[in-house]
Amino acid sequence: MMPRARVVNAAAILLFTGALKVSAQADTEKPSTTTLDNLKTPASPAFELLGVSPTAIARPATPRALATDLLSKSARGTVLPNNYALEFAPYWLAPRRTLTFEEYVAPSPSQSARQSFSVSFATSRPDTVSDTSSTRVALGIRVVPLAGHASARFRQLLASLDSIQRTRIPVIQKQADALDALDAIVTRRAVHDAALAAATAKNDAVAIAAANEAIRVDKDEADKARATEREAQATLKAKADSQRVLATAMGEADAERRGHFLSVAGGVSGVFPAGRVDGSRLGRIGVWGTYSYRMESPHLDVIGLLRFLRDVADANQNALETGARLLWMHNNLGISGEWVHRNAFTVGAPTSTTTGTQRTLTFASSNRAVGIAEYRAADALYVTMSFGQEFKQLGVDRRPLVAILGLQLLYGDKPAVKLPTKS
């Protein structure tokens, strides 16, 4: 048993709260159209390529959970489970006991890439009695090598948390001293009780009086030590409550990071007729890259993107896009404008020429210009409105109108991260 203490080691727990967006969409035999109207690198490229939003996404946090989930979803012992979605971050499958709070909050590009690297995998097959339906499989990866830096508000909250932690140390020391004093009094009291018993046996009035006085002093000192320990315990509880409030606020402020951000994702999907490898073909290939810079004041986001999508079956999904977005935030309101230039293309059937087999490419350029208003109506409720001009489709002369009113419901918690004690 370790001796109680003259040296105090204390740690604060930092709780981050996050959000998990959940939506549902019916699965069909023909892939639904993948819209390219959001200037974000997709968090799960595999789901984006399949054009489906699974109702349940497995997010295992340990290797055992990953293996168990895969086996449990593999019906009839098949290699690939049907209508299955999986997303995991390899870095977090193992304990990271050496990871410090500073590395987590202010990671280097390499550390940020390791922390953010995620793999998404999805399969989709119609829920029919036929065994001839095609199974679509997609695999994607995502990494964020640049994750910005903590905002001024986050640093202020961290300083307050650190200040409270520092004030806890003398209180903990005071509590430890009181408990040590109680231990010493218990030992001393045993000696005085033995002296009183011996004096009583000898009927020594002077010794009896001295022993009783020593016992009285012991009792008074014990009462004082207990009162000191209770006071320290109450103080520590109040400080812990304050730390929890600050930690929750820090979790919210962590989503308001500033500076440079770079997010890159890629994925590929394939089609497997009747679920067999024979006759399989390439479905889609997608690459996304988003760079942004978020200012501290005013709250402006400048975002740029590069995006490529190749769909073997649907020519309307072949595109190379570049674009930019300017976002202004004030309290719970965000107003932005985005412009995206699309070079859509079709790939013609192979033709034989004197120089060999060739394919023709047909390009059609168009632009998208949209104004967007986003409002956080509650902690878990977002309202979004968009209005503007959509891309033209290949072979169509009209310019579609964008007019959208949407709601987002968010929920979920992030894991807890410990804040190590500063020396």
Protein backbone atom coordinates (compact mmCIF):
# COMPACT_ATOMS: atom_id res chain seq x y z
CA MET A 1 0.00 0.00 0.00
CA MET A 2 1.46 3.34 -1.01
CA PRO A 3 1.98 5.82 1.84
CA ARG A 4 -0.28 8.83 1.82
CA ALA A 5 1.33 11.73 0.85
CA ARG A 6 3.64 14.51 1.05
CA VAL A 7 3.95 14.49 -2.75
CA VAL A 8 0.66 15.16 -4.52
CA ASN A 9 -0.12 14.03 -8.07
CA ALA A 10 -3.45 15.32 -9.43
CA ALA A 11 -5.03 15.18 -12.86
CA ALA A 12 -8.08 16.81 -14.40
CA ILE A 13 -10.47 15.07 -16.76
CA LEU A 14 -11.32 16.95 -19.93
CA LEU A 15 -14.65 16.00 -21.48
CA PHE A 16 -15.32 16.81 -25.11
CA THR A 17 -18.84 16.76 -26.52
CA GLY A 18 -19.32 16.14 -30.20
CA ALA A 19 -22.07 15.40 -32.65
CA LEU A 20 -22.99 12.47 -34.83
CA LYS A 21 -25.26 13.12 -37.76
CA VAL A 22 -27.67 10.32 -38.55
CA SER A 23 -29.91 10.01 -41.59
CA ALA A 24 -31.68 7.26 -43.53
CA GLN A 25 -32.24 6.53 -47.18
CA ALA A 26 -33.80 3.53 -48.91
CA ASP A 27 -31.42 1.28 -50.83
CA THR A 28 -32.20 0.47 -54.46
CA GLU A 29 -30.61 -1.63 -57.18
CA LYS A 30 -29.48 1.41 -59.20
CA PRO A 31 -27.10 3.74 -57.31
CA SER A 32 -28.79 6.98 -56.33
CA THR A 33 -27.26 10.17 -57.66
CA THR A 34 -24.39 11.50 -55.59
CA THR A 35 -24.86 15.22 -55.26
CA LEU A 36 -21.80 17.45 -55.25
CA ASP A 37 -23.32 20.50 -53.63
CA ASN A 38 -21.50 20.55 -50.33
CA LEU A 39 -18.04 22.07 -50.04
CA LYS A 40 -16.77 19.52 -47.56
CA THR A 41 -14.45 16.57 -47.76
CA PRO A 42 -16.79 13.67 -46.90
CA ALA A 43 -16.19 12.13 -43.49
CA SER A 44 -16.98 8.69 -44.93
CA PRO A 45 -15.94 8.49 -48.63
CA ALA A 46 -17.21 4.92 -49.02
CA PHE A 47 -20.77 5.98 -48.15
CA GLU A 48 -20.51 8.96 -50.49
CA LEU A 49 -19.49 6.76 -53.43
CA LEU A 50 -22.34 4.33 -52.88
CA GLY A 51 -24.79 7.22 -52.71
CA VAL A 52 -26.48 5.79 -49.64
CA SER A 53 -26.82 6.86 -46.02
CA PRO A 54 -26.89 3.69 -43.91
CA THR A 55 -29.25 3.63 -40.97
CA ALA A 56 -26.60 1.98 -38.79
CA ILE A 57 -22.86 2.54 -39.02
CA ALA A 58 -20.53 0.34 -36.97
CA ARG A 59 -17.81 2.37 -35.24
CA PRO A 60 -15.72 -0.17 -33.30
CA ALA A 61 -13.21 1.26 -30.85
CA THR A 62 -11.11 -1.88 -30.29
CA PRO A 63 -9.72 -4.65 -32.53
CA ARG A 64 -11.96 -7.20 -30.81
CA ALA A 65 -15.05 -5.05 -31.42
CA LEU A 66 -14.03 -4.68 -35.07
CA ALA A 67 -13.62 -8.44 -35.59
CA THR A 68 -16.79 -9.28 -33.65
CA ASP A 69 -18.88 -6.82 -35.63
CA LEU A 70 -17.62 -8.10 -38.98
CA LEU A 71 -18.28 -11.73 -38.05
CA SER A 72 -21.73 -11.01 -36.64
CA LYS A 73 -22.79 -9.18 -39.80
CA SER A 74 -21.51 -11.87 -42.21
CA ALA A 75 -24.73 -13.77 -42.87
CA ARG A 76 -24.43 -17.47 -43.70
CA GLY A 77 -20.64 -17.26 -43.45
CA THR A 78 -20.25 -15.07 -46.53
CA VAL A 79 -17.07 -13.08 -46.89
CA LEU A 80 -18.82 -9.71 -47.14
CA PRO A 81 -21.94 -8.84 -45.15
CA ASN A 82 -24.86 -7.33 -47.07
CA ASN A 83 -26.02 -3.76 -46.52
CA TYR A 84 -23.25 -3.07 -44.06
CA ALA A 85 -21.43 0.12 -43.16
CA LEU A 86 -18.22 0.29 -41.14
CA GLU A 87 -16.04 3.20 -40.13
CA PHE A 88 -13.00 3.10 -37.86
CA ALA A 89 -9.85 5.04 -37.04
CA PRO A 90 -6.86 2.64 -36.77
CA TYR A 91 -4.92 4.98 -34.48
CA TRP A 92 -7.59 4.81 -31.78
CA LEU A 93 -8.02 1.03 -31.83
CA ALA A 94 -5.07 0.72 -29.43
CA PRO A 95 -4.58 2.54 -26.10
CA ARG A 96 -2.53 5.75 -26.45
CA ARG A 97 -1.14 6.07 -22.95
CA THR A 98 1.82 8.17 -24.09
CA LEU A 99 -0.34 10.68 -25.97
CA THR A 100 -0.29 13.98 -24.13
CA PHE A 101 -3.02 16.56 -23.98
CA GLU A 102 -0.79 19.06 -25.79
CA GLU A 103 -0.16 16.60 -28.66
CA TYR A 104 -3.88 15.93 -28.97
CA VAL A 105 -4.98 19.58 -28.96
CA ALA A 106 -2.06 21.04 -30.93
CA PRO A 107 -0.82 18.16 -33.10
CA SER A 108 1.96 18.37 -35.64
CA PRO A 109 0.93 17.60 -39.26
CA SER A 110 2.15 14.01 -38.90
CA GLN A 111 0.40 13.54 -35.53
CA SER A 112 -2.77 15.14 -36.90
CA ALA A 113 -2.68 12.75 -39.85
CA ARG A 114 -2.31 9.75 -37.52
CA GLN A 115 -5.10 10.91 -35.22
CA SER A 116 -7.55 11.72 -38.00
CA PHE A 117 -6.87 8.87 -40.43
CA SER A 118 -10.07 6.87 -40.85
CA VAL A 119 -11.25 4.03 -43.03
CA SER A 120 -14.81 3.60 -44.24
CA PHE A 121 -16.23 0.48 -45.83
CA ALA A 122 -19.74 -0.18 -47.09
CA THR A 123 -21.71 -2.78 -48.98
CA SER A 124 -25.13 -2.29 -50.49
CA ARG A 125 -27.53 -4.81 -51.97
CA PRO A 126 -31.30 -4.60 -52.54
CA ASP A 127 -33.43 -6.37 -49.96
CA THR A 128 -34.98 -8.85 -52.37
CA VAL A 129 -35.45 -12.60 -52.53
CA SER A 130 -33.40 -12.79 -55.73
CA ASP A 131 -29.78 -13.93 -55.56
CA THR A 132 -28.95 -12.26 -58.88
CA SER A 133 -28.90 -8.71 -57.55
CA SER A 134 -25.61 -6.87 -57.74
CA THR A 135 -23.69 -6.07 -54.60
CA ARG A 136 -21.98 -2.70 -54.48
CA VAL A 137 -18.85 -2.42 -52.33
CA ALA A 138 -16.92 0.74 -51.53
CA LEU A 139 -13.74 1.49 -49.61
CA GLY A 140 -12.61 4.97 -48.61
CA ILE A 141 -10.00 6.74 -46.52
CA ARG A 142 -9.85 10.22 -45.01
CA VAL A 143 -7.04 12.18 -43.36
CA VAL A 144 -6.67 15.69 -41.94
CA PRO A 145 -2.96 16.66 -41.86
CA LEU A 146 -3.73 20.27 -40.90
CA ALA A 147 -6.31 20.72 -38.13
CA GLY A 148 -5.84 24.40 -37.23
CA HIS A 149 -5.06 25.59 -33.72
CA ALA A 150 -7.03 26.24 -30.56
CA SER A 151 -9.12 29.39 -30.50
CA ALA A 152 -8.56 32.25 -28.06
CA ARG A 153 -11.65 31.16 -26.12
CA PHE A 154 -10.31 27.61 -25.80
CA ARG A 155 -6.97 28.92 -24.52
CA GLN A 156 -8.73 31.12 -21.97
CA LEU A 157 -10.79 28.20 -20.73
CA LEU A 158 -7.67 26.03 -20.55
CA ALA A 159 -5.90 28.74 -18.52
CA SER A 160 -8.87 28.86 -16.13
CA LEU A 161 -8.86 25.07 -15.84
CA ASP A 162 -5.12 25.08 -15.17
CA SER A 163 -5.54 27.82 -12.57
CA ILE A 164 -8.15 25.80 -10.70
CA GLN A 165 -5.94 22.73 -10.93
CA ARG A 166 -3.05 24.65 -9.38
CA THR A 167 -5.25 25.85 -6.50
CA ARG A 168 -6.30 22.26 -5.87
CA ILE A 169 -2.75 21.18 -5.06
CA PRO A 170 -2.42 23.01 -1.71
CA VAL A 171 -5.95 21.89 -0.76
CA ILE A 172 -5.06 18.27 -1.54
CA GLN A 173 -1.87 18.72 0.48
CA LYS A 174 -3.90 20.15 3.35
CA GLN A 175 -6.29 17.18 3.18
CA ALA A 176 -3.36 14.75 3.14
CA ASP A 177 -1.77 16.48 6.16
CA ALA A 178 -5.06 16.21 8.06
CA LEU A 179 -5.34 12.50 7.28
CA ASP A 180 -1.70 11.97 8.29
CA ALA A 181 -2.42 13.82 11.55
CA LEU A 182 -5.40 11.52 12.21
CA ASP A 183 -3.16 8.48 11.68
CA ALA A 184 -0.61 9.88 14.16
CA ILE A 185 -3.36 10.67 16.71
CA VAL A 186 -4.69 7.10 16.48
CA THR A 187 -1.20 5.76 17.24
CA ARG A 188 -0.68 8.29 20.05
CA ARG A 189 -4.13 7.59 21.50
CA ALA A 190 -3.30 3.89 21.81
CA VAL A 191 -0.23 4.79 23.88
CA HIS A 192 -2.24 7.14 26.11
CA ASP A 193 -5.01 4.57 26.58
CA ALA A 194 -2.37 2.04 27.67
CA ALA A 195 -0.88 4.62 30.10
CA LEU A 196 -4.35 5.32 31.56
CA ALA A 197 -4.95 1.61 32.06
CA ALA A 198 -1.60 1.20 33.82
CA ALA A 199 -2.18 4.26 36.02
CA THR A 200 -5.64 3.05 36.93
CA ALA A 201 -4.24 -0.37 37.87
CA LYS A 202 -1.71 1.33 40.21
CA ASN A 203 -4.34 3.80 41.44
CA ASP A 204 -1.87 6.62 40.61
CA ALA A 205 -4.05 9.76 40.64
CA VAL A 206 -1.36 11.98 39.10
CA ALA A 207 -0.69 9.57 36.25
CA ILE A 208 -4.43 9.08 35.71
CA ALA A 209 -4.95 12.84 35.43
CA ALA A 210 -2.02 13.20 33.02
CA ALA A 211 -3.31 10.35 30.83
CA ASN A 212 -6.83 11.78 30.75
CA GLU A 213 -5.44 15.21 29.77
CA ALA A 214 -3.41 13.64 26.96
CA ILE A 215 -6.51 11.75 25.73
CA ARG A 216 -8.53 15.00 25.82
CA VAL A 217 -5.87 16.75 23.75
CA ASP A 218 -5.90 13.83 21.31
CA LYS A 219 -9.69 14.12 20.95
CA ASP A 220 -9.54 17.89 20.33
CA GLU A 221 -6.79 17.50 17.74
CA ALA A 222 -8.67 14.66 16.05
CA ASP A 223 -11.83 16.81 15.84
CA LYS A 224 -9.83 19.64 14.30
CA ALA A 225 -8.15 17.29 11.80
CA ARG A 226 -11.53 15.80 10.78
CA ALA A 227 -13.00 19.29 10.34
CA THR A 228 -9.99 20.28 8.20
CA GLU A 229 -10.35 17.12 6.10
CA ARG A 230 -14.12 17.69 5.59
CA GLU A 231 -13.51 21.31 4.62
CA ALA A 232 -10.82 20.29 2.12
CA GLN A 233 -13.10 17.60 0.68
CA ALA A 234 -15.92 20.13 0.18
CA THR A 235 -13.51 22.60 -1.44
CA LEU A 236 -12.17 19.94 -3.80
CA LYS A 237 -15.72 18.95 -4.77
CA ALA A 238 -16.61 22.56 -5.59
CA LYS A 239 -13.43 22.93 -7.64
CA ALA A 240 -14.16 19.63 -9.46
CA ASP A 241 -17.64 20.92 -10.33
CA SER A 242 -16.09 24.09 -11.74
CA GLN A 243 -13.60 22.01 -13.73
CA ARG A 244 -16.40 19.94 -15.25
CA VAL A 245 -18.20 23.10 -16.37
CA LEU A 246 -14.99 24.45 -17.90
CA ALA A 247 -14.20 21.11 -19.55
CA THR A 248 -17.63 20.98 -21.18
CA ALA A 249 -17.16 24.53 -22.46
CA MET A 250 -13.74 23.53 -23.79
CA GLY A 251 -15.33 20.67 -25.70
CA GLU A 252 -17.60 23.16 -27.44
CA ALA A 253 -14.74 25.61 -28.03
CA ASP A 254 -12.59 22.86 -29.57
CA ALA A 255 -14.98 22.87 -32.54
CA GLU A 256 -14.11 26.55 -33.07
CA ARG A 257 -10.49 26.00 -34.00
CA ARG A 258 -8.74 28.67 -36.06
CA GLY A 259 -6.00 28.77 -38.67
CA HIS A 260 -5.16 26.42 -41.52
CA PHE A 261 -7.13 23.25 -42.27
CA LEU A 262 -6.44 20.62 -44.90
CA SER A 263 -8.63 17.58 -45.42
CA VAL A 264 -8.07 14.88 -48.06
CA ALA A 265 -10.22 11.86 -48.85
CA GLY A 266 -10.43 9.22 -51.53
CA GLY A 267 -12.44 6.16 -52.30
CA VAL A 268 -13.28 3.50 -54.86
CA SER A 269 -16.35 1.35 -55.37
CA GLY A 270 -17.06 -1.78 -57.37
CA VAL A 271 -20.09 -3.72 -58.56
CA PHE A 272 -20.28 -7.50 -58.04
CA PRO A 273 -23.10 -9.17 -60.04
CA ALA A 274 -24.95 -11.72 -57.91
CA GLY A 275 -22.35 -11.09 -55.21
CA ARG A 276 -19.62 -12.90 -57.17
CA VAL A 277 -16.16 -11.77 -58.20
CA ASP A 278 -16.72 -13.07 -61.75
CA GLY A 279 -17.99 -10.24 -63.91
CA SER A 280 -17.20 -7.57 -61.33
CA ARG A 281 -16.54 -4.07 -62.59
CA LEU A 282 -15.35 -0.72 -61.38
CA GLY A 283 -18.12 1.54 -60.13
CA ARG A 284 -16.86 4.94 -58.98
CA ILE A 285 -13.63 6.65 -58.07
CA GLY A 286 -13.61 9.81 -56.02
CA VAL A 287 -10.92 12.14 -54.68
CA TRP A 288 -11.68 15.15 -52.47
CA GLY A 289 -9.38 17.87 -51.17
CA THR A 290 -10.44 20.85 -49.07
CA TYR A 291 -8.26 23.67 -47.76
CA SER A 292 -9.61 26.37 -45.50
CA TYR A 293 -8.44 29.20 -43.31
CA ARG A 294 -10.51 30.38 -40.36
CA MET A 295 -9.87 33.82 -38.93
CA GLU A 296 -10.06 34.65 -35.24
CA SER A 297 -11.70 38.03 -35.76
CA PRO A 298 -13.86 38.61 -37.68
CA HIS A 299 -15.20 35.06 -37.76
CA LEU A 300 -14.60 34.39 -41.44
CA ASP A 301 -13.86 31.07 -43.15
CA VAL A 302 -12.18 31.05 -46.56
CA ILE A 303 -12.56 27.61 -48.16
CA GLY A 304 -11.19 26.16 -51.38
CA LEU A 305 -11.75 22.73 -52.87
CA LEU A 306 -10.60 20.35 -55.56
CA ARG A 307 -12.81 17.39 -56.32
CA PHE A 308 -12.80 14.58 -58.90
CA LEU A 309 -15.45 11.93 -59.46
CA ARG A 310 -15.46 9.24 -62.12
CA ASP A 311 -18.53 7.04 -62.55
CA VAL A 312 -18.26 4.24 -65.09
CA ALA A 313 -22.04 3.75 -65.35
CA ASP A 314 -23.40 7.30 -65.12
CA ALA A 315 -21.82 10.00 -67.29
CA ASN A 316 -23.60 12.74 -65.34
CA GLN A 317 -21.41 11.90 -62.36
CA ASN A 318 -18.05 12.43 -64.11
CA ALA A 319 -16.61 15.76 -63.07
CA LEU A 320 -13.54 17.71 -62.07
CA GLU A 321 -14.45 20.62 -59.83
CA THR A 322 -12.71 23.59 -58.28
CA GLY A 323 -14.42 26.11 -56.06
CA ALA A 324 -14.40 28.46 -53.12
CA ARG A 325 -16.66 29.47 -50.28
CA LEU A 326 -16.70 32.47 -47.94
CA LEU A 327 -18.46 31.91 -44.62
CA TRP A 328 -19.25 34.56 -41.98
CA MET A 329 -20.30 33.49 -38.49
CA HIS A 330 -21.98 35.54 -35.77
CA ASN A 331 -23.23 33.79 -32.64
CA ASN A 332 -25.54 31.03 -33.95
CA LEU A 333 -25.95 32.44 -37.46
CA GLY A 334 -23.78 31.60 -40.46
CA ILE A 335 -24.09 33.26 -43.87
CA SER A 336 -22.01 32.11 -46.80
CA GLY A 337 -21.65 32.21 -50.53
CA GLU A 338 -20.06 29.47 -52.62
CA TRP A 339 -18.97 29.25 -56.23
CA VAL A 340 -17.90 26.02 -57.91
CA HIS A 341 -16.67 25.49 -61.46
CA ARG A 342 -17.35 22.05 -62.89
CA ASN A 343 -15.73 20.40 -65.88
CA ALA A 344 -18.12 17.53 -66.54
CA PHE A 345 -17.06 14.93 -69.04
CA THR A 346 -18.24 11.77 -70.77
CA VAL A 347 -16.02 8.95 -71.96
CA GLY A 348 -16.99 7.56 -75.36
CA ALA A 349 -16.96 3.92 -76.34
CA PRO A 350 -13.61 2.62 -77.61
CA THR A 351 -13.12 2.90 -81.37
CA SER A 352 -10.49 1.29 -83.55
CA THR A 353 -8.22 3.58 -85.56
CA THR A 354 -5.06 3.13 -87.58
CA THR A 355 -3.06 4.06 -84.50
CA GLY A 356 -4.95 1.73 -82.18
CA THR A 357 -7.98 1.87 -79.88
CA GLN A 358 -9.06 5.35 -78.76
CA ARG A 359 -11.75 6.88 -76.58
CA THR A 360 -13.27 10.32 -77.03
CA LEU A 361 -13.83 12.78 -74.19
CA THR A 362 -16.69 15.28 -74.30
CA PHE A 363 -16.49 18.19 -71.85
CA ALA A 364 -19.20 20.57 -70.67
CA SER A 365 -18.33 23.34 -68.23
CA SER A 366 -20.84 24.91 -65.87
CA ASN A 367 -20.88 26.84 -62.63
CA ARG A 368 -22.75 26.67 -59.38
CA ALA A 369 -23.38 29.83 -57.35
CA VAL A 370 -25.38 29.53 -54.14
CA GLY A 371 -26.06 31.62 -51.06
CA ILE A 372 -26.51 29.71 -47.82
CA ALA A 373 -27.87 30.67 -44.38
CA GLU A 374 -27.36 28.33 -41.43
CA TYR A 375 -28.85 28.88 -37.98
CA ARG A 376 -28.27 26.92 -34.80
CA ALA A 377 -31.76 26.93 -33.29
CA ALA A 378 -30.77 24.66 -30.37
CA ASP A 379 -27.83 22.54 -29.22
CA ALA A 380 -28.95 19.69 -31.45
CA LEU A 381 -31.00 21.47 -34.12
CA TYR A 382 -29.68 23.29 -37.19
CA VAL A 383 -31.76 25.03 -39.87
CA THR A 384 -30.23 25.48 -43.34
CA MET A 385 -31.51 27.50 -46.30
CA SER A 386 -29.90 27.60 -49.75
CA PHE A 387 -30.79 29.59 -52.87
CA GLY A 388 -28.98 29.99 -56.17
CA GLN A 389 -28.01 28.35 -59.45
CA GLU A 390 -27.14 24.67 -59.84
CA PHE A 391 -24.82 23.02 -62.38
CA LYS A 392 -26.10 22.27 -65.85
CA GLN A 393 -26.32 18.60 -66.76
CA LEU A 394 -24.72 17.21 -69.87
CA GLY A 395 -26.95 17.69 -72.91
CA VAL A 396 -29.38 19.96 -71.05
CA ASP A 397 -29.55 23.70 -71.75
CA ARG A 398 -31.47 24.90 -68.73
CA ARG A 399 -29.89 26.08 -65.47
CA PRO A 400 -31.53 24.36 -62.48
CA LEU A 401 -32.57 26.45 -59.48
CA VAL A 402 -31.34 25.65 -55.97
CA ALA A 403 -33.96 26.36 -53.28
CA ILE A 404 -33.55 24.18 -50.19
CA LEU A 405 -34.81 24.34 -46.62
CA GLY A 406 -33.34 21.67 -44.36
CA LEU A 407 -33.10 20.55 -40.72
CA GLN A 408 -30.23 18.68 -39.04
CA LEU A 409 -30.55 16.82 -35.76
CA LEU A 410 -27.26 16.07 -33.97
CA TYR A 411 -26.39 14.00 -30.96
CA GLY A 412 -23.51 12.09 -29.38
CA ASP A 413 -20.44 12.39 -27.16
CA LYS A 414 -16.75 12.19 -27.84
CA PRO A 415 -14.43 10.11 -25.69
CA ALA A 416 -12.90 11.65 -22.58
CA VAL A 417 -9.30 12.83 -22.78
CA LYS A 418 -7.17 13.25 -19.67
CA LEU A 419 -5.32 16.46 -19.01
CA PRO A 420 -1.92 15.57 -17.46
CA THR A 421 -0.61 17.47 -14.47
CA LYS A 422 1.99 20.11 -15.27
CA SER A 423 5.21 19.83 -13.32
